[in-house]
Protein backbone atom coordinates (compact mmCIF):
# COMPACT_ATOMS: atom_id res chain seq x y z
CA UNK A 1 5.54 25.29 -73.92
CA UNK A 2 2.35 27.38 -75.04
CA UNK A 3 -1.32 26.87 -73.43
CA UNK A 4 -3.25 25.13 -76.29
CA UNK A 5 -7.14 25.44 -76.42
CA UNK A 6 -9.19 22.31 -75.18
CA UNK A 7 -10.71 20.33 -77.49
CA UNK A 8 -14.48 20.10 -77.31
CA UNK A 9 -16.66 17.29 -78.62
CA UNK A 10 -20.29 17.41 -77.69
CA UNK A 11 -21.97 13.73 -76.32
CA UNK A 12 -25.62 13.24 -76.25
CA UNK A 13 -28.13 10.59 -74.86
CA UNK A 14 -28.20 7.49 -77.01
CA UNK A 15 -30.97 9.43 -79.35
CA UNK A 16 -28.92 12.36 -79.55
CA UNK A 17 -31.35 14.51 -78.68
CA UNK A 18 -29.95 15.91 -75.32
CA UNK A 19 -27.57 17.02 -73.30
CA UNK A 20 -28.78 15.89 -70.03
CA UNK A 21 -29.30 12.29 -70.17
CA UNK A 22 -32.94 11.02 -68.80
CA UNK A 23 -32.90 7.92 -66.39
CA UNK A 24 -36.88 7.28 -66.41
CA UNK A 25 -37.53 5.43 -62.93
CA UNK A 26 -35.65 1.94 -62.51
CA UNK A 27 -34.11 1.58 -65.94
CA UNK A 28 -30.50 1.39 -67.75
CA UNK A 29 -29.57 3.91 -70.32
CA UNK A 30 -26.42 4.46 -72.55
CA UNK A 31 -24.76 7.63 -73.54
CA UNK A 32 -23.14 7.89 -76.85
CA UNK A 33 -19.72 6.63 -77.41
CA UNK A 34 -16.29 8.60 -77.33
CA UNK A 35 -13.27 7.94 -79.39
CA UNK A 36 -10.37 7.83 -76.80
CA UNK A 37 -7.54 6.83 -79.15
CA UNK A 38 -4.33 9.22 -78.51
CA UNK A 39 -5.61 9.93 -74.67
CA UNK A 40 -3.60 8.91 -72.11
CA UNK A 41 -5.54 9.85 -68.38
CA UNK A 42 -9.20 10.47 -67.87
CA UNK A 43 -11.34 11.92 -65.29
CA UNK A 44 -15.18 12.39 -65.02
CA UNK A 45 -17.33 15.03 -63.62
CA UNK A 46 -20.93 14.19 -63.10
CA UNK A 47 -24.25 15.59 -61.35
CA UNK A 48 -27.49 14.61 -61.14
CA UNK A 49 -30.88 16.48 -61.15
CA UNK A 50 -34.53 15.13 -60.48
CA UNK A 51 -38.06 16.88 -59.13
CA UNK A 52 -38.14 13.36 -56.94
CA UNK A 53 -35.87 10.99 -55.70
CA UNK A 54 -32.27 10.65 -57.16
CA UNK A 55 -30.92 6.88 -56.98
CA UNK A 56 -28.58 6.10 -59.76
CA UNK A 57 -25.38 3.78 -60.46
CA UNK A 58 -22.68 5.07 -62.97
CA UNK A 59 -20.47 2.67 -64.72
CA UNK A 60 -18.22 2.85 -67.94
CA UNK A 61 -18.33 0.14 -70.95
CA UNK A 62 -15.76 -0.28 -73.62
CA UNK A 63 -15.40 -1.35 -76.92
CA UNK A 64 -12.56 -2.35 -79.75
CA UNK A 65 -15.29 -1.80 -82.31
CA UNK A 66 -17.73 0.83 -81.35
CA UNK A 67 -20.41 -2.14 -81.95
CA UNK A 68 -19.88 -4.88 -79.43
CA UNK A 69 -19.74 -3.33 -75.74
CA UNK A 70 -18.66 -5.17 -72.67
CA UNK A 71 -18.47 -4.20 -68.78
CA UNK A 72 -14.68 -4.25 -67.80
CA UNK A 73 -14.29 -7.31 -65.50
CA UNK A 74 -12.77 -6.16 -61.99
CA UNK A 75 -13.47 -2.44 -62.64
CA UNK A 76 -15.44 -0.88 -59.86
CA UNK A 77 -18.30 1.42 -60.54
CA UNK A 78 -17.43 5.09 -61.19
CA UNK A 79 -20.31 5.41 -58.44
CA UNK A 80 -22.77 2.77 -57.14
CA UNK A 81 -25.14 5.15 -55.26
CA UNK A 82 -25.58 8.61 -56.72
CA UNK A 83 -28.23 10.10 -54.29
CA UNK A 84 -28.28 14.09 -54.59
CA UNK A 85 -27.56 16.82 -56.89
CA UNK A 86 -23.82 17.28 -55.90
CA UNK A 87 -21.12 17.80 -58.78
CA UNK A 88 -18.88 14.93 -58.43
CA UNK A 89 -15.27 14.31 -59.77
CA UNK A 90 -13.45 11.26 -60.37
CA UNK A 91 -10.30 10.06 -61.80
CA UNK A 92 -10.76 6.90 -64.25
CA UNK A 93 -8.97 3.98 -64.30
CA UNK A 94 -6.82 2.93 -67.73
CA UNK A 95 -9.26 2.43 -70.47
CA UNK A 96 -7.68 0.00 -72.89
CA UNK A 97 -10.10 0.01 -75.61
CA UNK A 98 -10.34 2.84 -78.01
CA UNK A 99 -14.08 3.55 -77.29
CA UNK A 100 -16.15 4.27 -74.39
CA UNK A 101 -19.53 4.95 -72.96
CA UNK A 102 -21.39 5.46 -69.82
CA UNK A 103 -23.65 3.18 -68.18
CA UNK A 104 -26.23 4.48 -65.99
CA UNK A 105 -28.91 2.70 -63.97
CA UNK A 106 -31.74 3.61 -62.40
CA UNK A 107 -31.70 2.01 -59.19
CA UNK A 108 -34.92 1.55 -56.52
CA UNK A 109 -37.01 4.66 -56.28
CA UNK A 110 -35.43 6.73 -58.99
CA UNK A 111 -38.03 9.60 -60.17
CA UNK A 112 -38.80 9.31 -63.50
CA UNK A 113 -37.64 13.24 -63.82
CA UNK A 114 -33.93 12.12 -63.34
CA UNK A 115 -31.33 13.47 -65.49
CA UNK A 116 -27.34 12.87 -65.28
CA UNK A 117 -24.77 15.51 -66.71
CA UNK A 118 -21.19 14.00 -67.47
CA UNK A 119 -18.37 15.61 -68.44
CA UNK A 120 -15.36 13.33 -69.57
CA UNK A 121 -12.06 14.94 -69.40
CA UNK A 122 -8.98 13.63 -71.67
CA UNK A 123 -5.10 14.39 -71.22
CA UNK A 124 -3.52 13.76 -74.06
CA UNK A 125 0.20 14.86 -75.33
CA UNK A 126 0.83 17.99 -73.48
CA UNK A 127 -2.39 19.13 -73.44
CA UNK A 128 -5.82 18.69 -72.13
CA UNK A 129 -8.71 17.86 -74.40
CA UNK A 130 -12.28 17.84 -72.81
CA UNK A 131 -15.03 15.95 -74.15
CA UNK A 132 -18.35 17.25 -72.99
CA UNK A 133 -21.27 14.95 -72.21
CA UNK A 134 -23.51 17.35 -70.85
CA UNK A 135 -24.08 21.03 -69.91
CA UNK A 136 -24.39 21.69 -66.18
């Protein structure tokens, strides 16, 4: 078996202007979507940064048409309390819809300067494909 070069796809904030997704205080923002067809297993790496207090919740949403989004029933948050600038990783549960995006919520006390960088990794048919949401 030969080693293949990972597939790289840059994904931005919803305005498609930045790799670091800004969560300005107590608000909810969304990443752009990623087409997940042909992928089998998923993992996510994420890291927050801020000039003040970090207090975030990270969730995923799914869509069958890349237009209408839902929060999967019974699926736990990826992380319900991100409060520091540590690099975290987590395996994601099975995603049954062809599109995924991240929902990031600024919780009480979250600073207006807080950003979140996210890497989504997918394994597909004997190779690993990486989707880059942001650069660390």
